[in-house]
Amino acid sequence: MKNPWMKKNPFLSMWLSGANAVIGSARGRATAQAKRQASTFWSAALAPGKPRKRRSKR
């Protein structure tokens, strides 16, 4: 006798496939955003600072 729990379920397969696609897309967007933020952080950290304006003495 075959085990009914081992039978393929097309609905579950489609649901998992869709969930995998959504999670993969979200992961890609999060990775891209993290790379953009890291790039911005390092470019600001390594750039020379802006010269400060000196107050004139009266």
PDB file of N, CA and C in Angstrom:
ATOM      1  N   MET A   1       0.835  -1.178   0.000  1.00  0.00           N
ATOM      2  CA  MET A   1       0.000   0.000   0.000  1.00  0.00           C
ATOM      3  C   MET A   1       0.885   1.249   0.000  1.00  0.00           C
ATOM      4  N   LYS A   2       0.554   2.228  -0.832  1.00  0.00           N
ATOM      5  CA  LYS A   2       1.325   3.465  -0.919  1.00  0.00           C
ATOM      6  C   LYS A   2       0.942   4.401   0.222  1.00  0.00           C
ATOM      7  N   ASN A   3       1.923   5.165   0.629  1.00  0.00           N
ATOM      8  CA  ASN A   3       1.709   6.148   1.683  1.00  0.00           C
ATOM      9  C   ASN A   3       1.044   7.388   1.067  1.00  0.00           C
ATOM     10  N   PRO A   4      -0.149   7.799   1.524  1.00  0.00           N
ATOM     11  CA  PRO A   4      -0.824   8.964   0.929  1.00  0.00           C
ATOM     12  C   PRO A   4      -0.085  10.286   1.194  1.00  0.00           C
ATOM     13  N   TRP A   5       0.752  10.333   2.223  1.00  0.00           N
ATOM     14  CA  TRP A   5       1.475  11.556   2.531  1.00  0.00           C
ATOM     15  C   TRP A   5       2.621  11.803   1.557  1.00  0.00           C
ATOM     16  N   MET A   6       3.028  10.794   0.835  1.00  0.00           N
ATOM     17  CA  MET A   6       4.128  10.936  -0.111  1.00  0.00           C
ATOM     18  C   MET A   6       3.633  11.272  -1.519  1.00  0.00           C
ATOM     19  N   LYS A   7       2.318  11.316  -1.697  1.00  0.00           N
ATOM     20  CA  LYS A   7       1.742  11.627  -3.000  1.00  0.00           C
ATOM     21  C   LYS A   7       1.974  13.093  -3.347  1.00  0.00           C
ATOM     22  N   LYS A   8       2.244  13.389  -4.621  1.00  0.00           N
ATOM     23  CA  LYS A   8       2.480  14.761  -5.047  1.00  0.00           C
ATOM     24  C   LYS A   8       1.180  15.558  -4.969  1.00  0.00           C
ATOM     25  N   ASN A   9       1.311  16.810  -4.551  1.00  0.00           N
ATOM     26  CA  ASN A   9       0.165  17.692  -4.423  1.00  0.00           C
ATOM     27  C   ASN A   9       0.398  18.887  -5.359  1.00  0.00           C
ATOM     28  N   PRO A  10      -0.313  18.956  -6.481  1.00  0.00           N
ATOM     29  CA  PRO A  10      -0.048  20.047  -7.431  1.00  0.00           C
ATOM     30  C   PRO A  10      -0.375  21.434  -6.857  1.00  0.00           C
ATOM     31  N   PHE A  11      -1.397  21.530  -6.013  1.00  0.00           N
ATOM     32  CA  PHE A  11      -1.728  22.830  -5.417  1.00  0.00           C
ATOM     33  C   PHE A  11      -0.594  23.308  -4.514  1.00  0.00           C
ATOM     34  N   LEU A  12      -0.082  22.420  -3.684  1.00  0.00           N
ATOM     35  CA  LEU A  12       1.021  22.782  -2.791  1.00  0.00           C
ATOM     36  C   LEU A  12       2.257  23.129  -3.604  1.00  0.00           C
ATOM     37  N   SER A  13       2.499  22.407  -4.671  1.00  0.00           N
ATOM     38  CA  SER A  13       3.648  22.681  -5.520  1.00  0.00           C
ATOM     39  C   SER A  13       3.550  24.068  -6.142  1.00  0.00           C
ATOM     40  N   MET A  14       2.381  24.432  -6.639  1.00  0.00           N
ATOM     41  CA  MET A  14       2.205  25.767  -7.229  1.00  0.00           C
ATOM     42  C   MET A  14       2.340  26.854  -6.164  1.00  0.00           C
ATOM     43  N   TRP A  15       1.792  26.608  -4.979  1.00  0.00           N
ATOM     44  CA  TRP A  15       1.859  27.593  -3.900  1.00  0.00           C
ATOM     45  C   TRP A  15       3.309  27.820  -3.486  1.00  0.00           C
ATOM     46  N   LEU A  16       4.064  26.748  -3.322  1.00  0.00           N
ATOM     47  CA  LEU A  16       5.463  26.873  -2.930  1.00  0.00           C
ATOM     48  C   LEU A  16       6.294  27.544  -4.024  1.00  0.00           C
ATOM     49  N   SER A  17       5.971  27.269  -5.265  1.00  0.00           N
ATOM     50  CA  SER A  17       6.681  27.891  -6.372  1.00  0.00           C
ATOM     51  C   SER A  17       6.439  29.404  -6.376  1.00  0.00           C
ATOM     52  N   GLY A  18       5.195  29.805  -6.173  1.00  0.00           N
ATOM     53  CA  GLY A  18       4.875  31.228  -6.109  1.00  0.00           C
ATOM     54  C   GLY A  18       5.529  31.903  -4.914  1.00  0.00           C
ATOM     55  N   ALA A  19       5.496  31.236  -3.764  1.00  0.00           N
ATOM     56  CA  ALA A  19       6.116  31.802  -2.564  1.00  0.00           C
ATOM     57  C   ALA A  19       7.623  31.946  -2.763  1.00  0.00           C
ATOM     58  N   ASN A  20       8.233  30.977  -3.409  1.00  0.00           N
ATOM     59  CA  ASN A  20       9.670  31.033  -3.675  1.00  0.00           C
ATOM     60  C   ASN A  20      10.005  32.205  -4.596  1.00  0.00           C
ATOM     61  N   ALA A  21       9.161  32.451  -5.587  1.00  0.00           N
ATOM     62  CA  ALA A  21       9.387  33.572  -6.500  1.00  0.00           C
ATOM     63  C   ALA A  21       9.277  34.909  -5.764  1.00  0.00           C
ATOM     64  N   VAL A  22       8.288  35.050  -4.901  1.00  0.00           N
ATOM     65  CA  VAL A  22       8.099  36.290  -4.149  1.00  0.00           C
ATOM     66  C   VAL A  22       9.264  36.525  -3.199  1.00  0.00           C
ATOM     67  N   ILE A  23       9.665  35.495  -2.492  1.00  0.00           N
ATOM     68  CA  ILE A  23      10.768  35.625  -1.541  1.00  0.00           C
ATOM     69  C   ILE A  23      12.079  35.919  -2.273  1.00  0.00           C
ATOM     70  N   GLY A  24      12.272  35.295  -3.421  1.00  0.00           N
ATOM     71  CA  GLY A  24      13.475  35.558  -4.211  1.00  0.00           C
ATOM     72  C   GLY A  24      13.522  36.995  -4.690  1.00  0.00           C
ATOM     73  N   SER A  25      12.376  37.521  -5.104  1.00  0.00           N
ATOM     74  CA  SER A  25      12.306  38.916  -5.552  1.00  0.00           C
ATOM     75  C   SER A  25      12.597  39.866  -4.394  1.00  0.00           C
ATOM     76  N   ALA A  26      12.009  39.597  -3.244  1.00  0.00           N
ATOM     77  CA  ALA A  26      12.234  40.448  -2.071  1.00  0.00           C
ATOM     78  C   ALA A  26      13.701  40.396  -1.645  1.00  0.00           C
ATOM     79  N   ARG A  27      14.290  39.211  -1.718  1.00  0.00           N
ATOM     80  CA  ARG A  27      15.699  39.066  -1.358  1.00  0.00           C
ATOM     81  C   ARG A  27      16.579  39.875  -2.305  1.00  0.00           C
ATOM     82  N   GLY A  28      16.267  39.827  -3.597  1.00  0.00           N
ATOM     83  CA  GLY A  28      17.035  40.589  -4.570  1.00  0.00           C
ATOM     84  C   GLY A  28      16.935  42.083  -4.339  1.00  0.00           C
ATOM     85  N   ARG A  29      15.719  42.558  -4.025  1.00  0.00           N
ATOM     86  CA  ARG A  29      15.539  43.985  -3.758  1.00  0.00           C
ATOM     87  C   ARG A  29      16.278  44.409  -2.496  1.00  0.00           C
ATOM     88  N   ALA A  30      16.219  43.574  -1.455  1.00  0.00           N
ATOM     89  CA  ALA A  30      16.900  43.901  -0.200  1.00  0.00           C
ATOM     90  C   ALA A  30      18.411  43.920  -0.397  1.00  0.00           C
ATOM     91  N   THR A  31      18.930  42.989  -1.160  1.00  0.00           N
ATOM     92  CA  THR A  31      20.366  42.940  -1.424  1.00  0.00           C
ATOM     93  C   THR A  31      20.815  44.176  -2.198  1.00  0.00           C
ATOM     94  N   ALA A  32      20.044  44.559  -3.210  1.00  0.00           N
ATOM     95  CA  ALA A  32      20.385  45.742  -3.998  1.00  0.00           C
ATOM     96  C   ALA A  32      20.366  47.002  -3.133  1.00  0.00           C
ATOM     97  N   GLN A  33      19.369  47.123  -2.276  1.00  0.00           N
ATOM     98  CA  GLN A  33      19.278  48.292  -1.392  1.00  0.00           C
ATOM     99  C   GLN A  33      20.456  48.320  -0.423  1.00  0.00           C
ATOM    100  N   ALA A  34      20.821  47.174   0.126  1.00  0.00           N
ATOM    101  CA  ALA A  34      21.953  47.117   1.053  1.00  0.00           C
ATOM    102  C   ALA A  34      23.247  47.517   0.342  1.00  0.00           C
ATOM    103  N   LYS A  35      23.424  47.094  -0.890  1.00  0.00           N
ATOM    104  CA  LYS A  35      24.626  47.471  -1.642  1.00  0.00           C
ATOM    105  C   LYS A  35      24.648  48.971  -1.910  1.00  0.00           C
ATOM    106  N   ARG A  36      23.481  49.551  -2.233  1.00  0.00           N
ATOM    107  CA  ARG A  36      23.416  50.992  -2.467  1.00  0.00           C
ATOM    108  C   ARG A  36      23.768  51.760  -1.192  1.00  0.00           C
ATOM    109  N   GLN A  37      23.233  51.314  -0.060  1.00  0.00           N
ATOM    110  CA  GLN A  37      23.505  52.006   1.194  1.00  0.00           C
ATOM    111  C   GLN A  37      24.972  51.880   1.583  1.00  0.00           C
ATOM    112  N   ALA A  38      25.558  50.704   1.365  1.00  0.00           N
ATOM    113  CA  ALA A  38      26.968  50.512   1.689  1.00  0.00           C
ATOM    114  C   ALA A  38      27.832  51.399   0.802  1.00  0.00           C
ATOM    115  N   SER A  39      27.474  51.498  -0.456  1.00  0.00           N
ATOM    116  CA  SER A  39      28.227  52.341  -1.381  1.00  0.00           C
ATOM    117  C   SER A  39      28.149  53.804  -0.956  1.00  0.00           C
ATOM    118  N   THR A  40      26.968  54.256  -0.592  1.00  0.00           N
ATOM    119  CA  THR A  40      26.788  55.644  -0.151  1.00  0.00           C
ATOM    120  C   THR A  40      27.574  55.907   1.126  1.00  0.00           C
ATOM    121  N   PHE A  41      27.533  54.962   2.055  1.00  0.00           N
ATOM    122  CA  PHE A  41      28.244  55.125   3.321  1.00  0.00           C
ATOM    123  C   PHE A  41      29.742  55.257   3.089  1.00  0.00           C
ATOM    124  N   TRP A  42      30.298  54.344   2.294  1.00  0.00           N
ATOM    125  CA  TRP A  42      31.743  54.361   2.094  1.00  0.00           C
ATOM    126  C   TRP A  42      32.197  55.552   1.263  1.00  0.00           C
ATOM    127  N   SER A  43      31.399  55.963   0.298  1.00  0.00           N
ATOM    128  CA  SER A  43      31.804  57.131  -0.489  1.00  0.00           C
ATOM    129  C   SER A  43      31.793  58.385   0.382  1.00  0.00           C
ATOM    130  N   ALA A  44      30.855  58.479   1.318  1.00  0.00           N
ATOM    131  CA  ALA A  44      30.814  59.626   2.229  1.00  0.00           C
ATOM    132  C   ALA A  44      31.936  59.544   3.262  1.00  0.00           C
ATOM    133  N   ALA A  45      32.251  58.338   3.721  1.00  0.00           N
ATOM    134  CA  ALA A  45      33.276  58.173   4.750  1.00  0.00           C
ATOM    135  C   ALA A  45      34.677  58.430   4.197  1.00  0.00           C
ATOM    136  N   LEU A  46      34.903  58.087   2.953  1.00  0.00           N
ATOM    137  CA  LEU A  46      36.240  58.225   2.379  1.00  0.00           C
ATOM    138  C   LEU A  46      36.454  59.560   1.668  1.00  0.00           C
ATOM    139  N   ALA A  47      35.387  60.303   1.452  1.00  0.00           N
ATOM    140  CA  ALA A  47      35.507  61.598   0.776  1.00  0.00           C
ATOM    141  C   ALA A  47      36.082  62.624   1.752  1.00  0.00           C
ATOM    142  N   PRO A  48      36.841  63.559   1.233  1.00  0.00           N
ATOM    143  CA  PRO A  48      37.350  64.597   2.142  1.00  0.00           C
ATOM    144  C   PRO A  48      36.196  65.437   2.681  1.00  0.00           C
ATOM    145  N   GLY A  49      36.357  65.889   3.892  1.00  0.00           N
ATOM    146  CA  GLY A  49      35.303  66.674   4.531  1.00  0.00           C
ATOM    147  C   GLY A  49      35.153  68.040   3.893  1.00  0.00           C
ATOM    148  N   LYS A  50      33.984  68.619   4.060  1.00  0.00           N
ATOM    149  CA  LYS A  50      33.733  69.957   3.534  1.00  0.00           C
ATOM    150  C   LYS A  50      34.449  70.970   4.431  1.00  0.00           C
ATOM    151  N   PRO A  51      35.034  71.987   3.829  1.00  0.00           N
ATOM    152  CA  PRO A  51      35.695  73.000   4.667  1.00  0.00           C
ATOM    153  C   PRO A  51      34.659  73.758   5.501  1.00  0.00           C
ATOM    154  N   ARG A  52      35.002  73.987   6.749  1.00  0.00           N
ATOM    155  CA  ARG A  52      34.080  74.690   7.635  1.00  0.00           C
ATOM    156  C   ARG A  52      34.192  76.185   7.402  1.00  0.00           C
ATOM    157  N   LYS A  53      33.081  76.851   7.519  1.00  0.00           N
ATOM    158  CA  LYS A  53      33.094  78.316   7.399  1.00  0.00           C
ATOM    159  C   LYS A  53      33.567  78.883   8.720  1.00  0.00           C
ATOM    160  N   ARG A  54      34.495  79.808   8.622  1.00  0.00           N
ATOM    161  CA  ARG A  54      35.010  80.423   9.844  1.00  0.00           C
ATOM    162  C   ARG A  54      34.200  81.664  10.162  1.00  0.00           C
ATOM    163  N   ARG A  55      33.964  81.842  11.411  1.00  0.00           N
ATOM    164  CA  ARG A  55      33.231  83.029  11.852  1.00  0.00           C
ATOM    165  C   ARG A  55      34.207  84.205  11.866  1.00  0.00           C
ATOM    166  N   SER A  56      33.733  85.305  11.391  1.00  0.00           N
ATOM    167  CA  SER A  56      34.592  86.487  11.393  1.00  0.00           C
ATOM    168  C   SER A  56      34.652  87.081  12.797  1.00  0.00           C
ATOM    169  N   LYS A  57      35.837  87.506  13.178  1.00  0.00           N
ATOM    170  CA  LYS A  57      36.007  88.113  14.507  1.00  0.00           C
ATOM    171  C   LYS A  57      35.594  89.572  14.433  1.00  0.00           C
ATOM    172  N   ARG A  58      34.922  90.014  15.463  1.00  0.00           N
ATOM    173  CA  ARG A  58      34.478  91.408  15.471  1.00  0.00           C
ATOM    174  C   ARG A  58      35.325  92.229  16.374  1.00  0.00           C
TER     175      ARG A  58
END
